[in-house]
């Protein structure tokens, strides 16, 4: 696990009205922002897989798609979760253009219906990261037409655990900075006036696009995909009163 600590701070002077007194007293504050970033090994492999079929009739496109989708849903034999992201059947048009320069016959450019397209998009998830490439091979062999992307993510359970650890370390870093700055500035650190937190996490995404229609073949799908680490960042901002 790789760690990165960053902190920023500032001392402010603000005026606070004293209850029941006309005069105002100055309140000095110290603002500290602690940031903690950890690089974490992901525990979930995710792929977006699409089955696309086209036919002259909507019913034929739907039937062909259902046949391939049934094979795709049974393709991966190890532990996984496969869920539908979207399913659409829509008309396909080609644009008729006027290519003749003969103006004896009027010509109007217009879309021409040429068929129907059925698209079934799945989200594939597994904790067996080392077998991700094997899953992609299986999908393509079963008839999947597109593998749109793959990502390495943190499961909700792991994300919560890492988030809490990152926030705790960011808070500790902010407090350490505040103590050092107060000592160096020869002021006394009071209690926190306000505390706020932030959290940032981005899955490791690969712009992997496999398209059978583009001339691919099952043999070209990767059989060994190695995950990289993902960054998780937390920040804690604290405003202390100083004397």
C-alpha atoms as a PDB file:
ATOM      1  CA  UNK A   1       0.000   0.000   0.000  1.00  0.00           C
ATOM      2  CA  UNK A   2       1.428   3.400  -1.027  1.00  0.00           C
ATOM      3  CA  UNK A   3       0.655   6.374   1.195  1.00  0.00           C
ATOM      4  CA  UNK A   4       0.714  10.092   0.451  1.00  0.00           C
ATOM      5  CA  UNK A   5       0.180  12.805   3.044  1.00  0.00           C
ATOM      6  CA  UNK A   6      -0.542  16.439   2.193  1.00  0.00           C
ATOM      7  CA  UNK A   7      -1.655  19.253   4.477  1.00  0.00           C
ATOM      8  CA  UNK A   8      -2.362  22.951   4.192  1.00  0.00           C
ATOM      9  CA  UNK A   9      -3.030  25.492   6.897  1.00  0.00           C
ATOM     10  CA  UNK A  10      -3.734  29.160   7.549  1.00  0.00           C
ATOM     11  CA  UNK A  11      -4.190  31.475  10.521  1.00  0.00           C
ATOM     12  CA  UNK A  12      -7.123  33.881  10.448  1.00  0.00           C
ATOM     13  CA  UNK A  13      -8.306  36.717  12.652  1.00  0.00           C
ATOM     14  CA  UNK A  14     -12.060  37.159  12.877  1.00  0.00           C
ATOM     15  CA  UNK A  15     -14.298  39.421  14.930  1.00  0.00           C
ATOM     16  CA  UNK A  16     -16.939  37.768  17.085  1.00  0.00           C
ATOM     17  CA  UNK A  17     -19.659  39.760  18.864  1.00  0.00           C
ATOM     18  CA  UNK A  18     -19.805  39.213  22.644  1.00  0.00           C
ATOM     19  CA  UNK A  19     -23.339  38.570  23.849  1.00  0.00           C
ATOM     20  CA  UNK A  20     -24.710  41.526  25.817  1.00  0.00           C
ATOM     21  CA  UNK A  21     -21.648  43.701  25.115  1.00  0.00           C
ATOM     22  CA  UNK A  22     -21.486  46.414  22.465  1.00  0.00           C
ATOM     23  CA  UNK A  23     -17.782  45.978  21.813  1.00  0.00           C
ATOM     24  CA  UNK A  24     -16.357  43.169  19.715  1.00  0.00           C
ATOM     25  CA  UNK A  25     -13.441  40.891  20.546  1.00  0.00           C
ATOM     26  CA  UNK A  26     -11.109  39.395  18.006  1.00  0.00           C
ATOM     27  CA  UNK A  27     -11.093  35.627  17.637  1.00  0.00           C
ATOM     28  CA  UNK A  28      -8.051  34.092  16.010  1.00  0.00           C
ATOM     29  CA  UNK A  29      -8.345  30.751  14.264  1.00  0.00           C
ATOM     30  CA  UNK A  30      -6.059  28.220  12.649  1.00  0.00           C
ATOM     31  CA  UNK A  31      -7.313  26.332   9.603  1.00  0.00           C
ATOM     32  CA  UNK A  32      -5.692  22.995   8.745  1.00  0.00           C
ATOM     33  CA  UNK A  33      -6.435  20.644   5.861  1.00  0.00           C
ATOM     34  CA  UNK A  34      -5.029  17.123   6.084  1.00  0.00           C
ATOM     35  CA  UNK A  35      -5.122  14.750   3.100  1.00  0.00           C
ATOM     36  CA  UNK A  36      -4.367  11.043   3.128  1.00  0.00           C
ATOM     37  CA  UNK A  37      -4.122   8.960  -0.075  1.00  0.00           C
ATOM     38  CA  UNK A  38      -3.706   5.197  -0.234  1.00  0.00           C
ATOM     39  CA  UNK A  39      -3.148   2.928  -3.243  1.00  0.00           C
ATOM     40  CA  UNK A  40      -5.233  -0.186  -2.659  1.00  0.00           C
ATOM     41  CA  UNK A  41      -5.468  -3.552  -4.374  1.00  0.00           C
ATOM     42  CA  UNK A  42      -8.965  -3.892  -5.909  1.00  0.00           C
ATOM     43  CA  UNK A  43     -11.109  -6.929  -5.138  1.00  0.00           C
ATOM     44  CA  UNK A  44     -13.695  -6.794  -7.974  1.00  0.00           C
ATOM     45  CA  UNK A  45     -13.408  -7.246 -11.749  1.00  0.00           C
ATOM     46  CA  UNK A  46     -16.169  -5.595 -13.806  1.00  0.00           C
ATOM     47  CA  UNK A  47     -16.830  -5.827 -17.549  1.00  0.00           C
ATOM     48  CA  UNK A  48     -19.587  -4.368 -19.722  1.00  0.00           C
ATOM     49  CA  UNK A  49     -20.632  -6.944 -22.322  1.00  0.00           C
ATOM     50  CA  UNK A  50     -23.036  -6.394 -25.228  1.00  0.00           C
ATOM     51  CA  UNK A  51     -24.987  -8.699 -27.516  1.00  0.00           C
ATOM     52  CA  UNK A  52     -26.164  -6.921 -30.659  1.00  0.00           C
ATOM     53  CA  UNK A  53     -28.227  -8.428 -33.491  1.00  0.00           C
ATOM     54  CA  UNK A  54     -29.895  -6.959 -36.554  1.00  0.00           C
ATOM     55  CA  UNK A  55     -32.589  -8.269 -38.897  1.00  0.00           C
ATOM     56  CA  UNK A  56     -35.195  -7.016 -41.352  1.00  0.00           C
ATOM     57  CA  UNK A  57     -37.962  -7.585 -38.806  1.00  0.00           C
ATOM     58  CA  UNK A  58     -37.977  -6.610 -35.133  1.00  0.00           C
ATOM     59  CA  UNK A  59     -39.140 -10.078 -34.086  1.00  0.00           C
ATOM     60  CA  UNK A  60     -36.239 -11.722 -35.932  1.00  0.00           C
ATOM     61  CA  UNK A  61     -33.706  -9.359 -34.337  1.00  0.00           C
ATOM     62  CA  UNK A  62     -35.198 -10.087 -30.922  1.00  0.00           C
ATOM     63  CA  UNK A  63     -35.136 -13.867 -31.416  1.00  0.00           C
ATOM     64  CA  UNK A  64     -31.534 -13.889 -32.633  1.00  0.00           C
ATOM     65  CA  UNK A  65     -30.517 -11.740 -29.681  1.00  0.00           C
ATOM     66  CA  UNK A  66     -32.311 -13.987 -27.205  1.00  0.00           C
ATOM     67  CA  UNK A  67     -30.542 -17.072 -28.576  1.00  0.00           C
ATOM     68  CA  UNK A  68     -27.075 -15.520 -28.254  1.00  0.00           C
ATOM     69  CA  UNK A  69     -27.861 -13.934 -24.882  1.00  0.00           C
ATOM     70  CA  UNK A  70     -28.871 -17.340 -23.495  1.00  0.00           C
ATOM     71  CA  UNK A  71     -25.430 -18.702 -24.408  1.00  0.00           C
ATOM     72  CA  UNK A  72     -23.645 -15.648 -23.009  1.00  0.00           C
ATOM     73  CA  UNK A  73     -25.479 -15.970 -19.684  1.00  0.00           C
ATOM     74  CA  UNK A  74     -24.164 -19.530 -19.291  1.00  0.00           C
ATOM     75  CA  UNK A  75     -20.657 -18.878 -20.651  1.00  0.00           C
ATOM     76  CA  UNK A  76     -18.748 -18.227 -17.411  1.00  0.00           C
ATOM     77  CA  UNK A  77     -18.518 -21.254 -15.135  1.00  0.00           C
ATOM     78  CA  UNK A  78     -16.878 -19.720 -12.053  1.00  0.00           C
ATOM     79  CA  UNK A  79     -18.437 -17.498  -9.375  1.00  0.00           C
ATOM     80  CA  UNK A  80     -19.805 -14.268 -10.819  1.00  0.00           C
ATOM     81  CA  UNK A  81     -22.745 -11.909 -11.019  1.00  0.00           C
ATOM     82  CA  UNK A  82     -24.252 -11.063 -14.413  1.00  0.00           C
ATOM     83  CA  UNK A  83     -26.980  -8.423 -14.581  1.00  0.00           C
ATOM     84  CA  UNK A  84     -28.783  -6.586 -17.368  1.00  0.00           C
ATOM     85  CA  UNK A  85     -27.833  -2.929 -17.743  1.00  0.00           C
ATOM     86  CA  UNK A  86     -30.104  -2.169 -20.688  1.00  0.00           C
ATOM     87  CA  UNK A  87     -32.138  -3.843 -23.429  1.00  0.00           C
ATOM     88  CA  UNK A  88     -33.391  -2.053 -26.545  1.00  0.00           C
ATOM     89  CA  UNK A  89     -34.973  -2.828 -29.909  1.00  0.00           C
ATOM     90  CA  UNK A  90     -34.850   0.081 -32.312  1.00  0.00           C
ATOM     91  CA  UNK A  91     -35.200   0.758 -36.036  1.00  0.00           C
ATOM     92  CA  UNK A  92     -32.128   1.113 -38.224  1.00  0.00           C
ATOM     93  CA  UNK A  93     -32.102   3.707 -40.992  1.00  0.00           C
ATOM     94  CA  UNK A  94     -29.845   4.467 -43.921  1.00  0.00           C
ATOM     95  CA  UNK A  95     -29.813   7.943 -45.403  1.00  0.00           C
ATOM     96  CA  UNK A  96     -30.949   8.154 -49.032  1.00  0.00           C
ATOM     97  CA  UNK A  97     -29.008  10.885 -50.780  1.00  0.00           C
ATOM     98  CA  UNK A  98     -29.465  12.601 -54.116  1.00  0.00           C
ATOM     99  CA  UNK A  99     -26.374  11.651 -56.087  1.00  0.00           C
ATOM    100  CA  UNK A 100     -27.663  12.507 -59.570  1.00  0.00           C
ATOM    101  CA  UNK A 101     -27.320  15.974 -60.981  1.00  0.00           C
ATOM    102  CA  UNK A 102     -30.275  15.379 -63.301  1.00  0.00           C
ATOM    103  CA  UNK A 103     -32.944  17.794 -62.090  1.00  0.00           C
ATOM    104  CA  UNK A 104     -35.712  16.473 -64.361  1.00  0.00           C
ATOM    105  CA  UNK A 105     -36.924  14.366 -61.472  1.00  0.00           C
ATOM    106  CA  UNK A 106     -37.245  15.932 -58.028  1.00  0.00           C
ATOM    107  CA  UNK A 107     -35.220  14.214 -55.315  1.00  0.00           C
ATOM    108  CA  UNK A 108     -35.681  14.481 -51.565  1.00  0.00           C
ATOM    109  CA  UNK A 109     -32.992  13.189 -49.243  1.00  0.00           C
ATOM    110  CA  UNK A 110     -34.598  11.072 -46.530  1.00  0.00           C
ATOM    111  CA  UNK A 111     -33.956   8.181 -44.117  1.00  0.00           C
ATOM    112  CA  UNK A 112     -34.924   4.701 -45.337  1.00  0.00           C
ATOM    113  CA  UNK A 113     -35.830   1.939 -42.871  1.00  0.00           C
ATOM    114  CA  UNK A 114     -33.502  -1.028 -43.463  1.00  0.00           C
ATOM    115  CA  UNK A 115     -34.211  -3.184 -40.400  1.00  0.00           C
ATOM    116  CA  UNK A 116     -34.213  -3.435 -36.633  1.00  0.00           C
ATOM    117  CA  UNK A 117     -31.439  -3.773 -34.063  1.00  0.00           C
ATOM    118  CA  UNK A 118     -31.701  -5.509 -30.693  1.00  0.00           C
ATOM    119  CA  UNK A 119     -29.064  -4.666 -28.076  1.00  0.00           C
ATOM    120  CA  UNK A 120     -28.700  -6.445 -24.733  1.00  0.00           C
ATOM    121  CA  UNK A 121     -26.024  -4.979 -22.442  1.00  0.00           C
ATOM    122  CA  UNK A 122     -24.780  -6.827 -19.352  1.00  0.00           C
ATOM    123  CA  UNK A 123     -22.646  -5.929 -16.340  1.00  0.00           C
ATOM    124  CA  UNK A 124     -20.341  -8.779 -15.339  1.00  0.00           C
ATOM    125  CA  UNK A 125     -18.770  -8.854 -11.857  1.00  0.00           C
ATOM    126  CA  UNK A 126     -16.456 -11.364 -10.181  1.00  0.00           C
ATOM    127  CA  UNK A 127     -14.101 -11.461  -7.204  1.00  0.00           C
ATOM    128  CA  UNK A 128     -11.806 -13.846  -9.099  1.00  0.00           C
ATOM    129  CA  UNK A 129      -9.700 -11.099 -10.663  1.00  0.00           C
ATOM    130  CA  UNK A 130      -7.123 -13.409 -12.216  1.00  0.00           C
ATOM    131  CA  UNK A 131      -9.834 -15.074 -14.289  1.00  0.00           C
ATOM    132  CA  UNK A 132     -11.143 -11.884 -15.886  1.00  0.00           C
ATOM    133  CA  UNK A 133      -9.514 -12.626 -19.230  1.00  0.00           C
ATOM    134  CA  UNK A 134     -10.946 -16.128 -19.158  1.00  0.00           C
ATOM    135  CA  UNK A 135     -14.431 -14.652 -18.741  1.00  0.00           C
ATOM    136  CA  UNK A 136     -13.978 -12.318 -21.718  1.00  0.00           C
ATOM    137  CA  UNK A 137     -12.851 -15.238 -23.888  1.00  0.00           C
ATOM    138  CA  UNK A 138     -15.947 -17.175 -22.849  1.00  0.00           C
ATOM    139  CA  UNK A 139     -18.299 -14.306 -23.658  1.00  0.00           C
ATOM    140  CA  UNK A 140     -16.831 -13.790 -27.123  1.00  0.00           C
ATOM    141  CA  UNK A 141     -16.928 -17.508 -27.878  1.00  0.00           C
ATOM    142  CA  UNK A 142     -20.589 -17.565 -26.816  1.00  0.00           C
ATOM    143  CA  UNK A 143     -21.402 -14.819 -29.313  1.00  0.00           C
ATOM    144  CA  UNK A 144     -21.044 -11.486 -27.496  1.00  0.00           C
ATOM    145  CA  UNK A 145     -20.473  -8.754 -30.088  1.00  0.00           C
ATOM    146  CA  UNK A 146     -18.933  -6.049 -27.898  1.00  0.00           C
ATOM    147  CA  UNK A 147     -16.922  -5.853 -24.688  1.00  0.00           C
ATOM    148  CA  UNK A 148     -17.117  -2.141 -24.041  1.00  0.00           C
ATOM    149  CA  UNK A 149     -14.865  -1.724 -21.020  1.00  0.00           C
ATOM    150  CA  UNK A 150     -13.312  -3.399 -18.009  1.00  0.00           C
ATOM    151  CA  UNK A 151     -12.641  -1.919 -14.577  1.00  0.00           C
ATOM    152  CA  UNK A 152     -11.027  -3.007 -11.327  1.00  0.00           C
ATOM    153  CA  UNK A 153     -13.045  -1.759  -8.379  1.00  0.00           C
ATOM    154  CA  UNK A 154     -13.417  -1.937  -4.614  1.00  0.00           C
ATOM    155  CA  UNK A 155     -16.432  -3.807  -3.307  1.00  0.00           C
ATOM    156  CA  UNK A 156     -18.747  -1.747  -1.059  1.00  0.00           C
ATOM    157  CA  UNK A 157     -17.406  -3.579   2.000  1.00  0.00           C
ATOM    158  CA  UNK A 158     -13.753  -2.923   1.155  1.00  0.00           C
ATOM    159  CA  UNK A 159     -14.489   0.651   0.100  1.00  0.00           C
ATOM    160  CA  UNK A 160     -16.117   1.408   3.468  1.00  0.00           C
ATOM    161  CA  UNK A 161     -13.195  -0.107   5.369  1.00  0.00           C
ATOM    162  CA  UNK A 162     -10.588   1.829   3.373  1.00  0.00           C
ATOM    163  CA  UNK A 163     -12.594   5.057   3.561  1.00  0.00           C
ATOM    164  CA  UNK A 164     -12.807   4.979   7.358  1.00  0.00           C
ATOM    165  CA  UNK A 165      -9.081   4.215   7.686  1.00  0.00           C
ATOM    166  CA  UNK A 166      -8.222   7.050   5.290  1.00  0.00           C
ATOM    167  CA  UNK A 167     -10.430   9.532   7.161  1.00  0.00           C
ATOM    168  CA  UNK A 168      -8.873   8.539  10.493  1.00  0.00           C
ATOM    169  CA  UNK A 169      -5.356   9.035   9.161  1.00  0.00           C
ATOM    170  CA  UNK A 170      -6.274  12.338   7.511  1.00  0.00           C
ATOM    171  CA  UNK A 171      -7.692  13.581  10.836  1.00  0.00           C
ATOM    172  CA  UNK A 172      -4.536  12.525  12.676  1.00  0.00           C
ATOM    173  CA  UNK A 173      -2.384  14.289  10.111  1.00  0.00           C
ATOM    174  CA  UNK A 174      -4.450  17.469  10.395  1.00  0.00           C
ATOM    175  CA  UNK A 175      -4.124  17.434  14.202  1.00  0.00           C
ATOM    176  CA  UNK A 176      -0.359  16.852  14.018  1.00  0.00           C
ATOM    177  CA  UNK A 177       0.055  19.776  11.632  1.00  0.00           C
ATOM    178  CA  UNK A 178      -2.079  22.020  13.825  1.00  0.00           C
ATOM    179  CA  UNK A 179       0.017  21.238  16.914  1.00  0.00           C
ATOM    180  CA  UNK A 180       3.290  21.877  15.064  1.00  0.00           C
ATOM    181  CA  UNK A 181       2.078  25.130  13.507  1.00  0.00           C
ATOM    182  CA  UNK A 182       0.683  26.409  16.810  1.00  0.00           C
ATOM    183  CA  UNK A 183       3.973  25.667  18.537  1.00  0.00           C
ATOM    184  CA  UNK A 184       6.008  27.305  15.781  1.00  0.00           C
ATOM    185  CA  UNK A 185       3.740  30.365  15.836  1.00  0.00           C
ATOM    186  CA  UNK A 186       3.928  30.578  19.641  1.00  0.00           C
ATOM    187  CA  UNK A 187       0.182  30.356  20.106  1.00  0.00           C
ATOM    188  CA  UNK A 188      -1.994  28.020  22.158  1.00  0.00           C
ATOM    189  CA  UNK A 189      -4.189  25.602  20.266  1.00  0.00           C
ATOM    190  CA  UNK A 190      -7.806  25.578  21.420  1.00  0.00           C
ATOM    191  CA  UNK A 191     -10.690  23.253  20.644  1.00  0.00           C
ATOM    192  CA  UNK A 192     -11.899  22.645  17.078  1.00  0.00           C
ATOM    193  CA  UNK A 193     -14.544  25.133  15.956  1.00  0.00           C
ATOM    194  CA  UNK A 194     -15.531  23.238  12.837  1.00  0.00           C
ATOM    195  CA  UNK A 195     -14.624  19.959  11.118  1.00  0.00           C
ATOM    196  CA  UNK A 196     -15.462  18.797   7.602  1.00  0.00           C
ATOM    197  CA  UNK A 197     -14.441  15.727   5.602  1.00  0.00           C
ATOM    198  CA  UNK A 198     -14.154  14.622   1.992  1.00  0.00           C
ATOM    199  CA  UNK A 199     -13.614  11.308   0.201  1.00  0.00           C
ATOM    200  CA  UNK A 200     -12.491  10.491  -3.329  1.00  0.00           C
ATOM    201  CA  UNK A 201     -12.219   7.136  -5.087  1.00  0.00           C
ATOM    202  CA  UNK A 202     -11.839   6.308  -8.793  1.00  0.00           C
ATOM    203  CA  UNK A 203     -11.919   2.687 -10.070  1.00  0.00           C
ATOM    204  CA  UNK A 204      -9.063   1.569 -12.335  1.00  0.00           C
ATOM    205  CA  UNK A 205     -10.697   1.682 -15.774  1.00  0.00           C
ATOM    206  CA  UNK A 206      -9.297   0.271 -18.992  1.00  0.00           C
ATOM    207  CA  UNK A 207     -10.616   1.564 -22.300  1.00  0.00           C
ATOM    208  CA  UNK A 208     -10.764  -1.946 -23.599  1.00  0.00           C
ATOM    209  CA  UNK A 209     -13.029  -2.201 -26.639  1.00  0.00           C
ATOM    210  CA  UNK A 210     -13.469  -5.574 -28.304  1.00  0.00           C
ATOM    211  CA  UNK A 211     -15.740  -5.561 -31.349  1.00  0.00           C
ATOM    212  CA  UNK A 212     -16.410  -8.721 -33.325  1.00  0.00           C
ATOM    213  CA  UNK A 213     -17.786  -6.639 -36.185  1.00  0.00           C
ATOM    214  CA  UNK A 214     -14.454  -4.855 -36.463  1.00  0.00           C
ATOM    215  CA  UNK A 215     -12.738  -8.061 -37.432  1.00  0.00           C
ATOM    216  CA  UNK A 216     -11.885  -9.489 -34.022  1.00  0.00           C
ATOM    217  CA  UNK A 217     -11.834 -13.148 -33.142  1.00  0.00           C
ATOM    218  CA  UNK A 218     -12.146 -15.074 -29.909  1.00  0.00           C
ATOM    219  CA  UNK A 219      -8.411 -15.776 -29.943  1.00  0.00           C
ATOM    220  CA  UNK A 220      -7.658 -12.031 -29.738  1.00  0.00           C
ATOM    221  CA  UNK A 221      -9.404 -11.571 -26.391  1.00  0.00           C
ATOM    222  CA  UNK A 222      -6.933 -11.251 -23.513  1.00  0.00           C
ATOM    223  CA  UNK A 223      -6.421 -14.370 -21.406  1.00  0.00           C
ATOM    224  CA  UNK A 224      -4.368 -12.750 -18.651  1.00  0.00           C
ATOM    225  CA  UNK A 225      -5.437  -9.350 -17.336  1.00  0.00           C
ATOM    226  CA  UNK A 226      -3.399  -8.000 -14.419  1.00  0.00           C
ATOM    227  CA  UNK A 227      -5.134  -5.450 -12.164  1.00  0.00           C
ATOM    228  CA  UNK A 228      -3.455  -2.257 -11.047  1.00  0.00           C
ATOM    229  CA  UNK A 229      -4.043  -0.494  -7.751  1.00  0.00           C
ATOM    230  CA  UNK A 230      -6.735   2.127  -7.240  1.00  0.00           C
ATOM    231  CA  UNK A 231      -6.293   5.385  -5.327  1.00  0.00           C
ATOM    232  CA  UNK A 232      -8.472   6.264  -2.364  1.00  0.00           C
ATOM    233  CA  UNK A 233      -8.172   9.768  -0.907  1.00  0.00           C
ATOM    234  CA  UNK A 234      -9.661  11.346   2.193  1.00  0.00           C
ATOM    235  CA  UNK A 235      -9.406  14.879   3.507  1.00  0.00           C
ATOM    236  CA  UNK A 236     -10.277  16.398   6.860  1.00  0.00           C
ATOM    237  CA  UNK A 237     -10.465  20.172   7.303  1.00  0.00           C
ATOM    238  CA  UNK A 238     -10.379  21.538  10.847  1.00  0.00           C
ATOM    239  CA  UNK A 239     -10.651  25.080  12.162  1.00  0.00           C
ATOM    240  CA  UNK A 240      -9.157  25.571  15.643  1.00  0.00           C
ATOM    241  CA  UNK A 241      -9.455  28.546  17.913  1.00  0.00           C
ATOM    242  CA  UNK A 242      -6.012  29.828  18.992  1.00  0.00           C
ATOM    243  CA  UNK A 243      -4.946  32.099  21.845  1.00  0.00           C
END
